[in-house]
Amino acid sequence: MREAEAHEPNDPNAMALATATPDGRPSVRTILLKGADRRGFVFYTNLESRKGEELEANPQAALLFHWKSLRRQIRIEGPVERVSDEEADRYFASRSRNSRLGAIASDQSRPLPDRAIFEHRIAEATARYEGQEPPRPPNWSGFRVIPQIIEFWQDRPYRMHDRATWTREGEGWDVTRLYP
């Protein structure tokens, strides 16, 4: 990640998130990584969004970091869990005021008949929280993807790429090199 932060021109923390409905219909979108540690990879969203609802119904996900300028990618697969309210509160408070107001005003992933409706809701939230900190809405939180499989891919000349997977085995990892 440090290398990506030094070389990627925009959003080195951008990652594709793949979810699926309970009956297996997949969906993928680009989101931003907001935390990573030994427990997993964290992102935040409206829990009533499509991804939030899919993760609640089918708590498995896959992530993909693709750093084109580095010619590398990392795939991550595993179960998801909700972050604690304290973690969500802390991250929400760190966001810009406008981002917090937007989260309050947005019915993310729901049909919006006219952009003016959303802008009006933002104006209402701005007026409602004038002079005070906007609180985290109860339908806004985060998820942690707990890695069970991590695959590293490095581009090599003539498509002779370097690939390896780390698969969680209890408290350790089993490492397997893969053909390109």
N, C-alpha and C. Protein backbone atom coordinates (compact mmCIF):
# COMPACT_ATOMS: atom_id res chain seq x y z
N MET A 1 0.83 -1.19 0.00
CA MET A 1 0.00 0.00 0.00
C MET A 1 0.87 1.26 0.00
N ARG A 2 1.98 1.23 0.75
CA ARG A 2 2.85 2.40 0.77
C ARG A 2 3.41 2.67 -0.63
N GLU A 3 3.77 1.63 -1.34
CA GLU A 3 4.29 1.79 -2.69
C GLU A 3 3.20 2.34 -3.62
N ALA A 4 1.99 1.84 -3.49
CA ALA A 4 0.87 2.34 -4.30
C ALA A 4 0.60 3.81 -3.98
N GLU A 5 0.66 4.17 -2.70
CA GLU A 5 0.44 5.57 -2.32
C GLU A 5 1.49 6.48 -2.95
N ALA A 6 2.69 5.97 -3.13
CA ALA A 6 3.77 6.77 -3.72
C ALA A 6 3.67 6.87 -5.24
N HIS A 7 3.03 5.89 -5.90
CA HIS A 7 3.07 5.85 -7.36
C HIS A 7 1.73 6.00 -8.06
N GLU A 8 0.64 5.64 -7.40
CA GLU A 8 -0.67 5.74 -8.06
C GLU A 8 -1.12 7.20 -8.06
N PRO A 9 -1.51 7.71 -9.23
CA PRO A 9 -1.88 9.12 -9.32
C PRO A 9 -3.18 9.47 -8.59
N ASN A 10 -4.13 8.54 -8.52
CA ASN A 10 -5.42 8.80 -7.88
C ASN A 10 -5.87 7.60 -7.08
N ASP A 11 -6.33 7.86 -5.88
CA ASP A 11 -6.96 6.84 -5.04
C ASP A 11 -6.23 5.50 -4.99
N PRO A 12 -5.04 5.46 -4.43
CA PRO A 12 -4.35 4.17 -4.31
C PRO A 12 -5.11 3.18 -3.43
N ASN A 13 -6.06 3.69 -2.63
CA ASN A 13 -6.86 2.83 -1.77
C ASN A 13 -8.15 2.37 -2.45
N ALA A 14 -8.30 2.66 -3.76
CA ALA A 14 -9.48 2.19 -4.48
C ALA A 14 -9.39 0.68 -4.67
N MET A 15 -10.53 0.03 -4.46
CA MET A 15 -10.58 -1.42 -4.63
C MET A 15 -11.95 -1.80 -5.15
N ALA A 16 -11.99 -2.86 -5.93
CA ALA A 16 -13.26 -3.41 -6.37
C ALA A 16 -13.79 -4.29 -5.25
N LEU A 17 -15.07 -4.17 -4.98
CA LEU A 17 -15.75 -5.01 -3.99
C LEU A 17 -16.79 -5.83 -4.72
N ALA A 18 -16.69 -7.15 -4.61
CA ALA A 18 -17.69 -8.05 -5.19
C ALA A 18 -18.53 -8.64 -4.07
N THR A 19 -19.84 -8.56 -4.26
CA THR A 19 -20.80 -9.16 -3.34
C THR A 19 -21.73 -10.03 -4.17
N ALA A 20 -22.61 -10.75 -3.50
CA ALA A 20 -23.60 -11.56 -4.22
C ALA A 20 -24.86 -11.64 -3.39
N THR A 21 -25.96 -11.78 -4.08
CA THR A 21 -27.24 -12.00 -3.42
C THR A 21 -27.25 -13.40 -2.81
N PRO A 22 -28.20 -13.69 -1.95
CA PRO A 22 -28.25 -15.05 -1.38
C PRO A 22 -28.36 -16.15 -2.44
N ASP A 23 -28.97 -15.82 -3.60
CA ASP A 23 -29.08 -16.84 -4.65
C ASP A 23 -27.90 -16.80 -5.62
N GLY A 24 -26.86 -16.02 -5.30
CA GLY A 24 -25.61 -16.06 -6.06
C GLY A 24 -25.45 -15.05 -7.17
N ARG A 25 -26.37 -14.11 -7.34
CA ARG A 25 -26.21 -13.09 -8.39
C ARG A 25 -25.15 -12.09 -7.96
N PRO A 26 -24.03 -12.01 -8.71
CA PRO A 26 -22.92 -11.15 -8.29
C PRO A 26 -23.12 -9.68 -8.66
N SER A 27 -22.40 -8.84 -7.94
CA SER A 27 -22.35 -7.41 -8.20
C SER A 27 -20.97 -6.91 -7.79
N VAL A 28 -20.41 -6.01 -8.57
CA VAL A 28 -19.09 -5.47 -8.24
C VAL A 28 -19.11 -3.96 -8.44
N ARG A 29 -18.38 -3.26 -7.60
CA ARG A 29 -18.26 -1.80 -7.70
C ARG A 29 -16.94 -1.39 -7.08
N THR A 30 -16.48 -0.17 -7.40
CA THR A 30 -15.25 0.35 -6.82
C THR A 30 -15.59 1.17 -5.60
N ILE A 31 -14.87 0.90 -4.51
CA ILE A 31 -15.03 1.62 -3.26
C ILE A 31 -13.64 1.97 -2.74
N LEU A 32 -13.56 2.62 -1.58
CA LEU A 32 -12.28 3.00 -1.00
C LEU A 32 -12.01 2.24 0.30
N LEU A 33 -10.83 1.69 0.41
CA LEU A 33 -10.38 1.07 1.65
C LEU A 33 -10.18 2.18 2.68
N LYS A 34 -10.71 1.98 3.88
CA LYS A 34 -10.57 3.00 4.92
C LYS A 34 -9.82 2.50 6.14
N GLY A 35 -9.44 1.25 6.15
CA GLY A 35 -8.66 0.72 7.26
C GLY A 35 -8.20 -0.69 6.95
N ALA A 36 -7.02 -1.03 7.43
CA ALA A 36 -6.50 -2.39 7.26
C ALA A 36 -5.60 -2.70 8.45
N ASP A 37 -5.80 -3.87 9.01
CA ASP A 37 -4.94 -4.34 10.09
C ASP A 37 -5.00 -5.86 10.11
N ARG A 38 -4.51 -6.48 11.16
CA ARG A 38 -4.47 -7.94 11.24
C ARG A 38 -5.86 -8.56 11.21
N ARG A 39 -6.87 -7.78 11.57
CA ARG A 39 -8.24 -8.31 11.58
C ARG A 39 -8.87 -8.32 10.20
N GLY A 40 -8.43 -7.41 9.30
CA GLY A 40 -9.02 -7.40 7.97
C GLY A 40 -9.00 -6.03 7.32
N PHE A 41 -9.84 -5.89 6.29
CA PHE A 41 -9.88 -4.72 5.42
C PHE A 41 -11.25 -4.06 5.59
N VAL A 42 -11.26 -2.76 5.91
CA VAL A 42 -12.49 -2.07 6.30
C VAL A 42 -12.90 -1.02 5.27
N PHE A 43 -14.22 -0.98 5.03
CA PHE A 43 -14.82 0.08 4.22
C PHE A 43 -16.16 0.44 4.86
N TYR A 44 -16.70 1.58 4.46
CA TYR A 44 -17.93 2.09 5.07
C TYR A 44 -18.98 2.33 3.99
N THR A 45 -20.25 2.24 4.42
CA THR A 45 -21.35 2.41 3.47
C THR A 45 -22.67 2.60 4.20
N ASN A 46 -23.67 2.95 3.43
CA ASN A 46 -25.05 2.96 3.91
C ASN A 46 -25.49 1.49 3.97
N LEU A 47 -25.95 1.04 5.11
CA LEU A 47 -26.34 -0.36 5.28
C LEU A 47 -27.55 -0.73 4.44
N GLU A 48 -28.30 0.28 3.99
CA GLU A 48 -29.47 0.03 3.16
C GLU A 48 -29.15 0.13 1.67
N SER A 49 -27.87 0.32 1.34
CA SER A 49 -27.46 0.32 -0.06
C SER A 49 -27.49 -1.12 -0.58
N ARG A 50 -27.34 -1.27 -1.88
CA ARG A 50 -27.34 -2.62 -2.44
C ARG A 50 -26.23 -3.46 -1.81
N LYS A 51 -25.01 -2.90 -1.72
CA LYS A 51 -23.91 -3.69 -1.15
C LYS A 51 -24.16 -4.00 0.31
N GLY A 52 -24.70 -3.04 1.06
CA GLY A 52 -25.00 -3.28 2.47
C GLY A 52 -26.02 -4.40 2.65
N GLU A 53 -27.06 -4.37 1.86
CA GLU A 53 -28.09 -5.40 1.96
C GLU A 53 -27.55 -6.76 1.52
N GLU A 54 -26.75 -6.78 0.45
CA GLU A 54 -26.18 -8.05 0.01
C GLU A 54 -25.23 -8.64 1.05
N LEU A 55 -24.43 -7.79 1.69
CA LEU A 55 -23.50 -8.29 2.70
C LEU A 55 -24.21 -8.77 3.96
N GLU A 56 -25.31 -8.14 4.30
CA GLU A 56 -26.09 -8.60 5.45
C GLU A 56 -26.72 -9.96 5.15
N ALA A 57 -27.18 -10.17 3.91
CA ALA A 57 -27.85 -11.42 3.54
C ALA A 57 -26.86 -12.53 3.21
N ASN A 58 -25.70 -12.17 2.68
CA ASN A 58 -24.69 -13.14 2.25
C ASN A 58 -23.33 -12.58 2.66
N PRO A 59 -22.91 -12.81 3.89
CA PRO A 59 -21.71 -12.15 4.43
C PRO A 59 -20.38 -12.72 3.94
N GLN A 60 -20.22 -12.71 2.63
CA GLN A 60 -18.98 -13.10 1.97
C GLN A 60 -18.66 -12.03 0.93
N ALA A 61 -17.37 -11.74 0.73
CA ALA A 61 -17.01 -10.72 -0.25
C ALA A 61 -15.63 -11.03 -0.83
N ALA A 62 -15.37 -10.37 -1.94
CA ALA A 62 -14.04 -10.40 -2.55
C ALA A 62 -13.64 -8.96 -2.85
N LEU A 63 -12.36 -8.68 -2.68
CA LEU A 63 -11.79 -7.37 -2.96
C LEU A 63 -10.72 -7.53 -4.02
N LEU A 64 -10.49 -6.46 -4.77
CA LEU A 64 -9.41 -6.46 -5.75
C LEU A 64 -8.78 -5.07 -5.78
N PHE A 65 -7.50 -5.02 -5.47
CA PHE A 65 -6.71 -3.81 -5.69
C PHE A 65 -5.98 -4.02 -7.01
N HIS A 66 -6.12 -3.08 -7.92
CA HIS A 66 -5.37 -3.15 -9.18
C HIS A 66 -4.60 -1.84 -9.32
N TRP A 67 -3.29 -1.93 -9.17
CA TRP A 67 -2.42 -0.76 -9.29
C TRP A 67 -1.74 -0.84 -10.64
N LYS A 68 -2.38 -0.25 -11.64
CA LYS A 68 -1.90 -0.34 -13.02
C LYS A 68 -0.49 0.21 -13.16
N SER A 69 -0.20 1.33 -12.50
CA SER A 69 1.13 1.92 -12.64
C SER A 69 2.22 1.02 -12.06
N LEU A 70 1.88 0.18 -11.09
CA LEU A 70 2.84 -0.76 -10.50
C LEU A 70 2.79 -2.13 -11.18
N ARG A 71 1.77 -2.31 -12.02
CA ARG A 71 1.58 -3.58 -12.72
C ARG A 71 1.40 -4.72 -11.72
N ARG A 72 0.58 -4.44 -10.70
CA ARG A 72 0.31 -5.41 -9.65
C ARG A 72 -1.16 -5.43 -9.30
N GLN A 73 -1.59 -6.55 -8.78
CA GLN A 73 -2.92 -6.62 -8.20
C GLN A 73 -2.91 -7.57 -7.02
N ILE A 74 -3.86 -7.33 -6.13
CA ILE A 74 -4.04 -8.18 -4.96
C ILE A 74 -5.52 -8.51 -4.87
N ARG A 75 -5.82 -9.82 -4.79
CA ARG A 75 -7.19 -10.28 -4.60
C ARG A 75 -7.33 -10.80 -3.17
N ILE A 76 -8.48 -10.51 -2.56
CA ILE A 76 -8.74 -10.92 -1.18
C ILE A 76 -10.15 -11.50 -1.14
N GLU A 77 -10.31 -12.65 -0.48
CA GLU A 77 -11.63 -13.26 -0.33
C GLU A 77 -11.83 -13.64 1.13
N GLY A 78 -13.08 -13.49 1.58
CA GLY A 78 -13.37 -13.93 2.94
C GLY A 78 -14.72 -13.47 3.43
N PRO A 79 -15.06 -13.92 4.63
CA PRO A 79 -16.32 -13.50 5.25
C PRO A 79 -16.23 -12.03 5.69
N VAL A 80 -17.38 -11.43 5.91
CA VAL A 80 -17.42 -10.05 6.39
C VAL A 80 -18.11 -9.99 7.74
N GLU A 81 -17.75 -8.97 8.49
CA GLU A 81 -18.43 -8.67 9.74
C GLU A 81 -18.61 -7.17 9.82
N ARG A 82 -19.62 -6.73 10.54
CA ARG A 82 -19.81 -5.30 10.75
C ARG A 82 -18.75 -4.80 11.72
N VAL A 83 -18.28 -3.57 11.51
CA VAL A 83 -17.38 -2.95 12.48
C VAL A 83 -18.19 -2.56 13.70
N SER A 84 -17.52 -2.29 14.79
CA SER A 84 -18.22 -1.87 16.01
C SER A 84 -18.79 -0.45 15.81
N ASP A 85 -19.79 -0.12 16.62
CA ASP A 85 -20.35 1.23 16.56
C ASP A 85 -19.27 2.27 16.86
N GLU A 86 -18.35 1.94 17.77
CA GLU A 86 -17.28 2.87 18.11
C GLU A 86 -16.38 3.14 16.90
N GLU A 87 -16.03 2.07 16.16
CA GLU A 87 -15.21 2.26 14.95
C GLU A 87 -15.95 3.10 13.92
N ALA A 88 -17.24 2.81 13.71
CA ALA A 88 -18.03 3.55 12.73
C ALA A 88 -18.17 5.02 13.15
N ASP A 89 -18.42 5.27 14.44
CA ASP A 89 -18.52 6.64 14.93
C ASP A 89 -17.21 7.41 14.71
N ARG A 90 -16.12 6.76 15.04
CA ARG A 90 -14.80 7.39 14.91
C ARG A 90 -14.51 7.75 13.45
N TYR A 91 -14.76 6.81 12.55
CA TYR A 91 -14.50 7.10 11.14
C TYR A 91 -15.47 8.17 10.62
N PHE A 92 -16.76 8.07 10.97
CA PHE A 92 -17.73 9.06 10.49
C PHE A 92 -17.32 10.45 10.93
N ALA A 93 -16.88 10.60 12.16
CA ALA A 93 -16.46 11.90 12.69
C ALA A 93 -15.23 12.44 11.95
N SER A 94 -14.42 11.56 11.35
CA SER A 94 -13.22 12.01 10.65
C SER A 94 -13.51 12.51 9.23
N ARG A 95 -14.70 12.25 8.73
CA ARG A 95 -15.06 12.66 7.36
C ARG A 95 -15.34 14.17 7.33
N SER A 96 -15.25 14.75 6.15
CA SER A 96 -15.57 16.17 6.03
C SER A 96 -17.03 16.39 6.40
N ARG A 97 -17.33 17.59 6.84
CA ARG A 97 -18.72 17.93 7.21
C ARG A 97 -19.66 17.66 6.04
N ASN A 98 -19.27 18.08 4.82
CA ASN A 98 -20.14 17.88 3.66
C ASN A 98 -20.38 16.40 3.39
N SER A 99 -19.37 15.56 3.57
CA SER A 99 -19.55 14.12 3.38
C SER A 99 -20.51 13.54 4.41
N ARG A 100 -20.41 14.02 5.65
CA ARG A 100 -21.33 13.55 6.69
C ARG A 100 -22.76 13.97 6.38
N LEU A 101 -22.92 15.23 5.94
CA LEU A 101 -24.26 15.71 5.60
C LEU A 101 -24.82 14.94 4.40
N GLY A 102 -23.96 14.63 3.44
CA GLY A 102 -24.39 13.86 2.28
C GLY A 102 -24.86 12.47 2.68
N ALA A 103 -24.16 11.84 3.64
CA ALA A 103 -24.55 10.51 4.11
C ALA A 103 -25.91 10.56 4.80
N ILE A 104 -26.17 11.64 5.53
CA ILE A 104 -27.45 11.80 6.21
C ILE A 104 -28.57 12.00 5.19
N ALA A 105 -28.30 12.75 4.14
CA ALA A 105 -29.32 13.10 3.14
C ALA A 105 -29.57 12.01 2.11
N SER A 106 -28.65 11.09 1.95
CA SER A 106 -28.73 10.12 0.85
C SER A 106 -29.46 8.83 1.23
N ASP A 107 -30.33 8.39 0.33
CA ASP A 107 -30.91 7.05 0.39
C ASP A 107 -30.13 6.23 -0.64
N GLN A 108 -28.87 5.98 -0.35
CA GLN A 108 -27.93 5.38 -1.31
C GLN A 108 -28.52 4.16 -2.01
N SER A 109 -28.35 4.13 -3.31
CA SER A 109 -28.77 3.05 -4.20
C SER A 109 -30.27 3.05 -4.49
N ARG A 110 -31.03 3.92 -3.87
CA ARG A 110 -32.47 4.00 -4.13
C ARG A 110 -32.72 4.93 -5.32
N PRO A 111 -33.83 4.73 -6.04
CA PRO A 111 -34.15 5.62 -7.16
C PRO A 111 -34.28 7.08 -6.71
N LEU A 112 -33.75 7.99 -7.52
CA LEU A 112 -33.81 9.42 -7.27
C LEU A 112 -34.48 10.07 -8.48
N PRO A 113 -35.74 10.46 -8.35
CA PRO A 113 -36.47 11.00 -9.50
C PRO A 113 -35.88 12.29 -10.07
N ASP A 114 -35.25 13.08 -9.20
CA ASP A 114 -34.72 14.37 -9.64
C ASP A 114 -33.58 14.77 -8.71
N ARG A 115 -32.44 15.17 -9.27
CA ARG A 115 -31.27 15.57 -8.47
C ARG A 115 -31.62 16.68 -7.47
N ALA A 116 -32.59 17.54 -7.82
CA ALA A 116 -32.99 18.64 -6.95
C ALA A 116 -33.51 18.13 -5.60
N ILE A 117 -34.10 16.95 -5.58
CA ILE A 117 -34.60 16.37 -4.33
C ILE A 117 -33.44 16.11 -3.38
N PHE A 118 -32.38 15.51 -3.90
CA PHE A 118 -31.19 15.24 -3.08
C PHE A 118 -30.57 16.55 -2.59
N GLU A 119 -30.43 17.51 -3.48
CA GLU A 119 -29.85 18.80 -3.08
C GLU A 119 -30.70 19.48 -2.01
N HIS A 120 -32.02 19.35 -2.10
CA HIS A 120 -32.91 19.91 -1.08
C HIS A 120 -32.69 19.20 0.27
N ARG A 121 -32.53 17.89 0.22
CA ARG A 121 -32.30 17.13 1.46
C ARG A 121 -30.96 17.51 2.09
N ILE A 122 -29.95 17.77 1.27
CA ILE A 122 -28.66 18.23 1.80
C ILE A 122 -28.83 19.60 2.47
N ALA A 123 -29.57 20.50 1.82
CA ALA A 123 -29.82 21.83 2.41
C ALA A 123 -30.56 21.69 3.74
N GLU A 124 -31.54 20.79 3.81
CA GLU A 124 -32.27 20.57 5.06
C GLU A 124 -31.34 20.05 6.16
N ALA A 125 -30.49 19.09 5.82
CA ALA A 125 -29.55 18.54 6.81
C ALA A 125 -28.56 19.61 7.25
N THR A 126 -28.10 20.43 6.32
CA THR A 126 -27.17 21.52 6.65
C THR A 126 -27.82 22.47 7.65
N ALA A 127 -29.08 22.84 7.41
CA ALA A 127 -29.79 23.75 8.32
C ALA A 127 -30.04 23.08 9.67
N ARG A 128 -30.42 21.80 9.65
CA ARG A 128 -30.74 21.07 10.89
C ARG A 128 -29.53 20.98 11.81
N TYR A 129 -28.33 20.82 11.24
CA TYR A 129 -27.13 20.64 12.05
C TYR A 129 -26.23 21.87 12.07
N GLU A 130 -26.80 23.02 11.78
CA GLU A 130 -26.05 24.28 11.83
C GLU A 130 -25.48 24.45 13.25
N GLY A 131 -24.16 24.64 13.34
CA GLY A 131 -23.52 24.87 14.63
C GLY A 131 -23.31 23.63 15.47
N GLN A 132 -23.58 22.46 14.93
CA GLN A 132 -23.35 21.22 15.69
C GLN A 132 -22.81 20.15 14.75
N GLU A 133 -22.25 19.12 15.36
CA GLU A 133 -21.68 18.02 14.57
C GLU A 133 -22.79 17.08 14.09
N PRO A 134 -22.83 16.80 12.79
CA PRO A 134 -23.84 15.86 12.30
C PRO A 134 -23.56 14.46 12.84
N PRO A 135 -24.57 13.81 13.41
CA PRO A 135 -24.35 12.46 13.98
C PRO A 135 -24.35 11.39 12.89
N ARG A 136 -23.68 10.30 13.18
CA ARG A 136 -23.70 9.16 12.26
C ARG A 136 -25.11 8.59 12.23
N PRO A 137 -25.69 8.46 11.02
CA PRO A 137 -27.03 7.87 10.93
C PRO A 137 -26.98 6.39 11.33
N PRO A 138 -28.06 5.88 11.90
CA PRO A 138 -28.06 4.47 12.33
C PRO A 138 -27.91 3.49 11.16
N ASN A 139 -28.21 3.92 9.94
CA ASN A 139 -28.10 3.04 8.77
C ASN A 139 -26.76 3.20 8.05
N TRP A 140 -25.78 3.77 8.72
CA TRP A 140 -24.47 3.99 8.11
C TRP A 140 -23.42 3.35 9.01
N SER A 141 -22.64 2.45 8.45
CA SER A 141 -21.61 1.77 9.25
C SER A 141 -20.55 1.21 8.31
N GLY A 142 -19.77 0.29 8.84
CA GLY A 142 -18.70 -0.29 8.04
C GLY A 142 -18.70 -1.79 8.11
N PHE A 143 -17.94 -2.37 7.18
CA PHE A 143 -17.74 -3.81 7.12
C PHE A 143 -16.25 -4.10 7.10
N ARG A 144 -15.90 -5.22 7.68
CA ARG A 144 -14.53 -5.71 7.66
C ARG A 144 -14.52 -7.03 6.89
N VAL A 145 -13.71 -7.10 5.85
CA VAL A 145 -13.50 -8.35 5.13
C VAL A 145 -12.35 -9.07 5.85
N ILE A 146 -12.63 -10.26 6.35
CA ILE A 146 -11.64 -11.05 7.08
C ILE A 146 -10.98 -11.98 6.06
N PRO A 147 -9.74 -11.72 5.72
CA PRO A 147 -9.13 -12.48 4.62
C PRO A 147 -8.94 -13.96 4.95
N GLN A 148 -9.41 -14.77 4.03
CA GLN A 148 -9.18 -16.21 4.09
C GLN A 148 -8.22 -16.62 2.98
N ILE A 149 -8.27 -15.88 1.87
CA ILE A 149 -7.37 -16.10 0.74
C ILE A 149 -6.89 -14.73 0.25
N ILE A 150 -5.59 -14.61 0.06
CA ILE A 150 -5.00 -13.40 -0.53
C ILE A 150 -4.12 -13.87 -1.68
N GLU A 151 -4.36 -13.31 -2.86
CA GLU A 151 -3.53 -13.65 -4.02
C GLU A 151 -2.79 -12.40 -4.49
N PHE A 152 -1.50 -12.54 -4.63
CA PHE A 152 -0.65 -11.48 -5.15
C PHE A 152 -0.30 -11.81 -6.60
N TRP A 153 -0.39 -10.82 -7.46
CA TRP A 153 -0.08 -10.97 -8.89
C TRP A 153 0.84 -9.84 -9.31
N GLN A 154 1.93 -10.19 -9.96
CA GLN A 154 2.89 -9.21 -10.47
C GLN A 154 3.08 -9.46 -11.96
N ASP A 155 2.89 -8.42 -12.74
CA ASP A 155 3.09 -8.52 -14.18
C ASP A 155 4.55 -8.82 -14.49
N ARG A 156 4.78 -9.68 -15.47
CA ARG A 156 6.12 -10.01 -15.95
C ARG A 156 6.07 -10.00 -17.47
N PRO A 157 7.22 -9.82 -18.12
CA PRO A 157 7.25 -9.81 -19.59
C PRO A 157 6.71 -11.11 -20.19
N TYR A 158 6.12 -10.97 -21.34
CA TYR A 158 5.62 -12.10 -22.13
C TYR A 158 4.53 -12.89 -21.40
N ARG A 159 3.81 -12.20 -20.51
CA ARG A 159 2.70 -12.79 -19.75
C ARG A 159 3.14 -13.95 -18.86
N MET A 160 4.40 -13.92 -18.45
CA MET A 160 4.92 -14.92 -17.52
C MET A 160 4.86 -14.37 -16.11
N HIS A 161 3.65 -14.01 -15.71
CA HIS A 161 3.41 -13.31 -14.45
C HIS A 161 3.82 -14.15 -13.24
N ASP A 162 4.00 -13.45 -12.14
CA ASP A 162 4.32 -14.08 -10.87
C ASP A 162 3.05 -14.05 -10.02
N ARG A 163 2.59 -15.21 -9.56
CA ARG A 163 1.37 -15.32 -8.77
C ARG A 163 1.61 -16.23 -7.57
N ALA A 164 1.00 -15.84 -6.45
CA ALA A 164 1.05 -16.70 -5.26
C ALA A 164 -0.18 -16.42 -4.40
N THR A 165 -0.66 -17.45 -3.73
CA THR A 165 -1.78 -17.29 -2.82
C THR A 165 -1.34 -17.60 -1.39
N TRP A 166 -1.95 -16.89 -0.47
CA TRP A 166 -1.82 -17.15 0.95
C TRP A 166 -3.23 -17.58 1.39
N THR A 167 -3.35 -18.78 1.93
CA THR A 167 -4.64 -19.31 2.39
C THR A 167 -4.56 -19.50 3.90
N ARG A 168 -5.54 -18.93 4.60
CA ARG A 168 -5.53 -19.01 6.06
C ARG A 168 -5.70 -20.46 6.51
N GLU A 169 -4.81 -20.88 7.39
CA GLU A 169 -4.85 -22.21 8.00
C GLU A 169 -4.74 -22.01 9.50
N GLY A 170 -5.87 -21.94 10.18
CA GLY A 170 -5.86 -21.67 11.62
C GLY A 170 -5.32 -20.28 11.87
N GLU A 171 -4.25 -20.18 12.64
CA GLU A 171 -3.63 -18.88 12.93
C GLU A 171 -2.53 -18.53 11.95
N GLY A 172 -2.22 -19.45 11.03
CA GLY A 172 -1.14 -19.21 10.07
C GLY A 172 -1.66 -19.16 8.64
N TRP A 173 -0.71 -19.18 7.72
CA TRP A 173 -1.02 -19.09 6.30
C TRP A 173 -0.26 -20.16 5.53
N ASP A 174 -0.93 -20.78 4.58
CA ASP A 174 -0.32 -21.73 3.66
C ASP A 174 -0.05 -20.96 2.36
N VAL A 175 1.19 -20.98 1.91
CA VAL A 175 1.58 -20.23 0.72
C VAL A 175 1.73 -21.18 -0.47
N THR A 176 1.11 -20.82 -1.59
CA THR A 176 1.16 -21.64 -2.79
C THR A 176 1.48 -20.75 -3.98
N ARG A 177 2.52 -21.10 -4.71
CA ARG A 177 2.83 -20.39 -5.94
C ARG A 177 1.93 -20.96 -7.04
N LEU A 178 1.45 -20.10 -7.95
CA LEU A 178 0.54 -20.50 -9.02
C LEU A 178 1.18 -20.26 -10.38
N TYR A 179 0.85 -21.11 -11.33
CA TYR A 179 1.23 -20.82 -12.71
C TYR A 179 0.54 -19.53 -13.14
N PRO A 180 1.19 -18.77 -14.05
CA PRO A 180 0.53 -17.54 -14.51
C PRO A 180 -0.72 -17.82 -15.33
